[in-house]
Amino acid sequence: MHELPLLIFTLLVQLSVGLTLFITLALPRQPFGDRAAATRTLRLPLLIACASAGVGLLCSTLHLGYPLNALHALRHVSSSWLSREIVFAAAYLAVLGLATLLALFKQALWRTLMPLALVVGIVDVYCMSAIYAYSSVVTWTHYTTWLTFFGSTILLGATAQAWLIARHQALETRRRLLSTGSMLVVAAVAVRLLFQPAYIEYLSQMVHRDAATFPYRSLDAWYDLANVRAVGWLLAVAGAALMSVSAQRGGRGVLICASLALVLSEVLFRYVFFSLG
């Protein structure tokens, strides 16, 4: 699959932004009196979020053929969503990297840096979505592209925080973080599933317009990958249900199954997404 670098890039960056979201949510629940202890608790999630964004950006340069071509893309920030995405991705990594370095070497976690990194990361995911939503590929030019990318951010972030953040918190804090994560996961899956009929109707309308430039090969791919999409939705729904059960009752085995189901569903959805292009 020639789009494999983009698949890895988008999923890793969205994982990073999602994890940053939950680190930011966990910050107010950390004890103010023991700053070093709070920093130690969130240091590993910070490092993984930063590493995910860094590896993702490196993978994105592989798609360009010649990595230095990314510098040329910066010339069109005012008109190109790709240029804007590169700028905000770099800014996100810079802010998150600074927060990570402070946590690692200064044993200090600046509470103002994480919300800033989160805002920049959200803008980056928006720009990332816009690259495809405003492209010439009709199967991408729909608002479900934003739902797909932001949904992945929530699902991957919630899965990561269940293992990296919630497990190391006090009992009450752990329950609240897991409950918040599970509710966001259920909402993300439900919203994306709810708007699938609208997307299918959109594709049907585009075919009936008989546009000469309509990518019929992409439409054929949509139908050819019906089984992959069905497996993805089954895994997503099952993962969301299991995540809710895990948040309410606990259980390592249930959380493992939920995590595997959600991550695999996102990989399948992203494979389908790029196959349609």
Protein backbone atom coordinates (compact mmCIF):
# COMPACT_ATOMS: atom_id res chain seq x y z
CA MET A 1 0.00 0.00 0.00
CA HIS A 2 1.69 3.19 -1.20
CA GLU A 3 -0.25 5.29 1.34
CA LEU A 4 1.18 3.36 4.31
CA PRO A 5 3.34 6.32 5.49
CA LEU A 6 0.23 8.53 5.58
CA LEU A 7 -1.74 5.86 7.42
CA ILE A 8 0.96 5.65 10.09
CA PHE A 9 1.42 9.43 10.19
CA THR A 10 -2.24 10.30 10.66
CA LEU A 11 -2.89 7.63 13.28
CA LEU A 12 0.23 8.43 15.31
CA VAL A 13 -0.36 12.18 15.34
CA GLN A 14 -4.01 11.69 16.28
CA LEU A 15 -2.94 9.27 19.02
CA SER A 16 -0.56 11.94 20.30
CA VAL A 17 -3.20 14.69 20.30
CA GLY A 18 -5.71 12.37 21.96
CA LEU A 19 -3.22 11.46 24.68
CA THR A 20 -2.45 15.15 25.16
CA LEU A 21 -6.18 15.71 25.65
CA PHE A 22 -6.34 13.20 28.48
CA ILE A 23 -3.10 14.43 30.06
CA THR A 24 -4.68 17.88 30.14
CA LEU A 25 -7.86 16.45 31.69
CA ALA A 26 -5.80 14.61 34.30
CA LEU A 27 -3.76 17.68 35.32
CA PRO A 28 -6.42 19.30 37.56
CA ARG A 29 -6.77 16.03 39.44
CA GLN A 30 -3.09 15.89 40.36
CA PRO A 31 -2.10 16.95 43.91
CA PHE A 32 -0.82 20.52 43.94
CA GLY A 33 1.22 19.90 47.08
CA ASP A 34 3.41 17.20 45.51
CA ARG A 35 4.46 18.60 42.17
CA ALA A 36 7.25 16.07 41.68
CA ALA A 37 4.90 13.12 42.21
CA ALA A 38 2.41 14.52 39.69
CA THR A 39 5.21 15.01 37.18
CA ARG A 40 6.43 11.44 37.64
CA THR A 41 2.92 10.10 37.08
CA LEU A 42 2.46 11.94 33.77
CA ARG A 43 6.04 11.78 32.52
CA LEU A 44 5.67 8.52 30.59
CA PRO A 45 2.40 9.54 28.86
CA LEU A 46 4.06 12.82 27.88
CA LEU A 47 7.07 11.02 26.44
CA ILE A 48 4.90 8.61 24.44
CA ALA A 49 2.71 11.46 23.13
CA CYS A 50 5.81 13.37 22.04
CA ALA A 51 7.45 10.29 20.49
CA SER A 52 4.24 9.38 18.61
CA ALA A 53 4.03 12.86 17.09
CA GLY A 54 7.72 12.81 16.18
CA VAL A 55 7.62 9.38 14.54
CA GLY A 56 4.42 10.32 12.77
CA LEU A 57 5.97 13.44 11.29
CA LEU A 58 8.99 11.44 10.14
CA CYS A 59 6.67 8.96 8.41
CA SER A 60 4.89 11.82 6.65
CA THR A 61 8.15 12.89 5.00
CA LEU A 62 8.48 9.42 3.43
CA HIS A 63 5.34 10.12 1.42
CA LEU A 64 6.99 13.17 -0.12
CA GLY A 65 9.70 11.06 -1.74
CA TYR A 66 12.33 13.67 -0.89
CA PRO A 67 11.93 14.81 2.76
CA LEU A 68 13.22 18.32 2.10
CA ASN A 69 10.19 18.89 -0.13
CA ALA A 70 8.33 19.62 3.09
CA LEU A 71 10.22 22.92 3.25
CA HIS A 72 8.86 23.96 -0.14
CA ALA A 73 5.30 23.34 1.07
CA LEU A 74 5.73 26.11 3.64
CA ARG A 75 5.65 28.73 0.88
CA HIS A 76 1.87 28.52 0.55
CA VAL A 77 0.57 28.83 4.10
CA SER A 78 -2.04 31.37 3.06
CA SER A 79 -3.62 29.09 0.45
CA SER A 80 -2.61 25.50 1.15
CA TRP A 81 -4.03 23.25 3.87
CA LEU A 82 -0.94 21.06 3.55
CA SER A 83 1.29 24.02 4.39
CA ARG A 84 -0.89 24.94 7.35
CA GLU A 85 -0.84 21.36 8.59
CA ILE A 86 2.97 21.27 8.46
CA VAL A 87 3.19 24.54 10.39
CA PHE A 88 0.77 23.47 13.12
CA ALA A 89 2.26 19.98 13.34
CA ALA A 90 5.69 21.48 13.91
CA ALA A 91 4.28 23.96 16.46
CA TYR A 92 2.44 21.18 18.27
CA LEU A 93 5.57 19.04 18.48
CA ALA A 94 7.60 22.03 19.68
CA VAL A 95 5.21 22.89 22.53
CA LEU A 96 4.72 19.26 23.52
CA GLY A 97 8.46 18.64 23.28
CA LEU A 98 9.16 21.56 25.60
CA ALA A 99 6.65 20.24 28.14
CA THR A 100 8.25 16.78 27.90
CA LEU A 101 11.78 18.11 28.38
CA LEU A 102 10.71 20.09 31.45
CA ALA A 103 9.07 16.99 32.90
CA LEU A 104 12.11 14.82 32.22
CA PHE A 105 14.94 17.10 33.27
CA LYS A 106 13.40 19.74 35.53
CA GLN A 107 10.86 17.48 37.25
CA ALA A 108 8.30 20.18 36.50
CA LEU A 109 5.10 19.99 34.52
CA TRP A 110 3.92 23.44 33.47
CA ARG A 111 0.16 23.33 33.55
CA THR A 112 -0.16 26.11 30.98
CA LEU A 113 1.86 24.26 28.33
CA MET A 114 -0.46 21.25 28.06
CA PRO A 115 -3.64 23.22 27.23
CA LEU A 116 -1.59 25.21 24.70
CA ALA A 117 -0.25 22.01 23.12
CA LEU A 118 -3.79 20.61 23.05
CA VAL A 119 -5.21 23.65 21.24
CA VAL A 120 -2.41 23.60 18.66
CA GLY A 121 -2.87 19.83 18.25
CA ILE A 122 -6.60 20.18 17.66
CA VAL A 123 -5.95 22.81 14.99
CA ASP A 124 -3.41 20.46 13.42
CA VAL A 125 -5.96 17.62 13.25
CA TYR A 126 -8.44 20.06 11.69
CA CYS A 127 -5.89 21.06 9.04
CA MET A 128 -5.04 17.42 8.46
CA SER A 129 -8.72 16.66 7.84
CA ALA A 130 -9.09 19.68 5.56
CA ILE A 131 -6.29 18.45 3.28
CA TYR A 132 -8.53 15.57 2.26
CA ALA A 133 -11.95 17.20 2.68
CA TYR A 134 -10.97 19.96 0.22
CA SER A 135 -9.19 17.67 -2.22
CA SER A 136 -10.40 16.57 -5.66
CA VAL A 137 -11.24 13.06 -4.44
CA VAL A 138 -15.01 13.04 -4.12
CA THR A 139 -15.03 10.14 -1.66
CA TRP A 140 -13.13 12.37 0.78
CA THR A 141 -14.93 15.66 0.23
CA HIS A 142 -17.53 15.16 2.94
CA TYR A 143 -17.78 16.29 6.55
CA THR A 144 -17.40 12.68 7.69
CA THR A 145 -13.68 13.13 6.99
CA TRP A 146 -13.51 15.45 10.02
CA LEU A 147 -15.59 13.00 12.04
CA THR A 148 -13.21 10.20 11.09
CA PHE A 149 -10.04 12.05 12.10
CA PHE A 150 -11.35 13.60 15.30
CA GLY A 151 -13.02 10.31 16.20
CA SER A 152 -9.67 8.56 15.88
CA THR A 153 -8.12 11.20 18.11
CA ILE A 154 -10.63 10.45 20.86
CA LEU A 155 -10.59 6.66 20.52
CA LEU A 156 -6.82 6.28 20.38
CA GLY A 157 -6.29 8.86 23.13
CA ALA A 158 -8.80 7.21 25.44
CA THR A 159 -7.26 3.80 24.85
CA ALA A 160 -3.77 5.07 25.58
CA GLN A 161 -4.81 6.97 28.72
CA ALA A 162 -6.51 3.88 30.15
CA TRP A 163 -3.11 2.20 30.30
CA LEU A 164 -0.73 5.11 30.76
CA ILE A 165 -2.62 7.59 32.97
CA ALA A 166 -5.66 6.15 34.72
CA ARG A 167 -3.92 3.03 36.03
CA HIS A 168 -1.45 5.13 38.05
CA GLN A 169 -4.02 7.39 39.71
CA ALA A 170 -5.81 7.14 43.03
CA LEU A 171 -8.95 5.00 42.93
CA GLU A 172 -11.48 7.84 42.63
CA THR A 173 -9.42 9.69 40.02
CA ARG A 174 -8.91 6.49 38.06
CA ARG A 175 -12.64 5.83 37.96
CA ARG A 176 -13.41 9.34 36.77
CA LEU A 177 -10.76 9.27 34.04
CA LEU A 178 -11.87 5.84 32.80
CA SER A 179 -15.51 6.92 32.91
CA THR A 180 -14.77 10.10 30.96
CA GLY A 181 -12.73 8.16 28.42
CA SER A 182 -15.40 5.50 27.93
CA MET A 183 -18.15 8.10 27.47
CA LEU A 184 -16.10 9.93 24.85
CA VAL A 185 -15.36 6.66 23.06
CA VAL A 186 -19.04 5.69 22.97
CA ALA A 187 -19.98 9.18 21.75
CA ALA A 188 -17.30 9.15 19.02
CA VAL A 189 -18.34 5.73 17.71
CA ALA A 190 -22.05 6.61 17.88
CA VAL A 191 -21.65 9.92 16.04
CA ARG A 192 -19.56 8.40 13.27
CA LEU A 193 -22.00 5.51 12.88
CA LEU A 194 -24.97 7.88 12.92
CA PHE A 195 -23.64 9.87 9.97
CA GLN A 196 -22.71 6.87 7.80
CA PRO A 197 -26.13 6.84 6.05
CA ALA A 198 -25.62 10.50 5.12
CA TYR A 199 -22.24 9.67 3.62
CA ILE A 200 -23.65 6.75 1.63
CA GLU A 201 -26.46 9.00 0.37
CA TYR A 202 -23.85 11.60 -0.61
CA LEU A 203 -21.95 9.04 -2.70
CA SER A 204 -25.20 7.95 -4.33
CA GLN A 205 -26.06 11.53 -5.28
CA MET A 206 -22.63 12.09 -6.79
CA VAL A 207 -23.06 9.04 -9.00
CA HIS A 208 -26.49 10.21 -10.17
CA ARG A 209 -25.04 13.57 -11.18
CA ASP A 210 -23.10 11.63 -13.81
CA ALA A 211 -20.06 13.85 -13.35
CA ALA A 212 -17.39 12.96 -15.88
CA THR A 213 -14.67 13.45 -13.32
CA PHE A 214 -16.26 11.30 -10.61
CA PRO A 215 -13.72 8.71 -9.43
CA TYR A 216 -15.68 5.55 -10.15
CA ARG A 217 -12.66 3.51 -9.15
CA SER A 218 -12.99 4.97 -5.65
CA LEU A 219 -16.67 4.06 -5.57
CA ASP A 220 -15.80 0.54 -6.68
CA ALA A 221 -13.24 0.37 -3.87
CA TRP A 222 -15.94 1.45 -1.41
CA TYR A 223 -18.09 -1.54 -2.35
CA ASP A 224 -15.14 -3.92 -2.67
CA LEU A 225 -14.07 -3.10 0.89
CA ALA A 226 -17.56 -3.63 2.36
CA ASN A 227 -16.40 -6.62 4.40
CA VAL A 228 -13.44 -4.67 5.81
CA ARG A 229 -15.75 -1.80 6.76
CA ALA A 230 -18.19 -4.20 8.41
CA VAL A 231 -15.43 -5.79 10.49
CA GLY A 232 -14.22 -2.31 11.44
CA TRP A 233 -17.64 -1.27 12.69
CA LEU A 234 -18.12 -4.51 14.62
CA LEU A 235 -14.76 -4.02 16.32
CA ALA A 236 -15.49 -0.35 17.05
CA VAL A 237 -18.89 -1.05 18.62
CA ALA A 238 -17.58 -4.02 20.58
CA GLY A 239 -14.55 -2.02 21.73
CA ALA A 240 -16.72 0.89 22.89
CA ALA A 241 -19.01 -1.47 24.80
CA LEU A 242 -16.09 -3.26 26.44
CA MET A 243 -14.45 0.06 27.34
CA SER A 244 -17.65 1.06 29.17
CA VAL A 245 -17.74 -2.27 31.01
CA SER A 246 -14.10 -1.87 31.97
CA ALA A 247 -14.72 1.63 33.30
CA GLN A 248 -17.60 0.43 35.47
CA ARG A 249 -16.35 -2.93 36.67
CA GLY A 250 -12.63 -2.91 36.04
CA GLY A 251 -10.80 -5.98 34.84
CA ARG A 252 -7.54 -6.14 32.95
CA GLY A 253 -8.80 -8.73 30.47
CA VAL A 254 -11.79 -6.63 29.45
CA LEU A 255 -9.57 -3.56 28.99
CA ILE A 256 -7.13 -5.55 26.83
CA CYS A 257 -9.95 -6.75 24.58
CA ALA A 258 -11.43 -3.24 24.36
CA SER A 259 -8.08 -1.71 23.48
CA LEU A 260 -7.26 -4.28 20.81
CA ALA A 261 -10.71 -3.93 19.24
CA LEU A 262 -10.59 -0.12 19.13
CA VAL A 263 -7.04 0.10 17.78
CA LEU A 264 -7.64 -2.54 15.11
CA SER A 265 -10.88 -0.85 14.06
CA GLU A 266 -9.05 2.45 13.55
CA VAL A 267 -6.37 0.76 11.46
CA LEU A 268 -9.03 -0.85 9.27
CA PHE A 269 -10.97 2.41 8.90
CA ARG A 270 -7.83 4.29 7.93
CA TYR A 271 -6.89 1.57 5.44
CA VAL A 272 -10.32 1.92 3.84
CA PHE A 273 -10.04 5.72 3.87
CA PHE A 274 -6.79 5.81 1.91
CA SER A 275 -7.85 2.97 -0.37
CA LEU A 276 -10.75 5.16 -1.54
CA GLY A 277 -8.30 7.83 -2.71
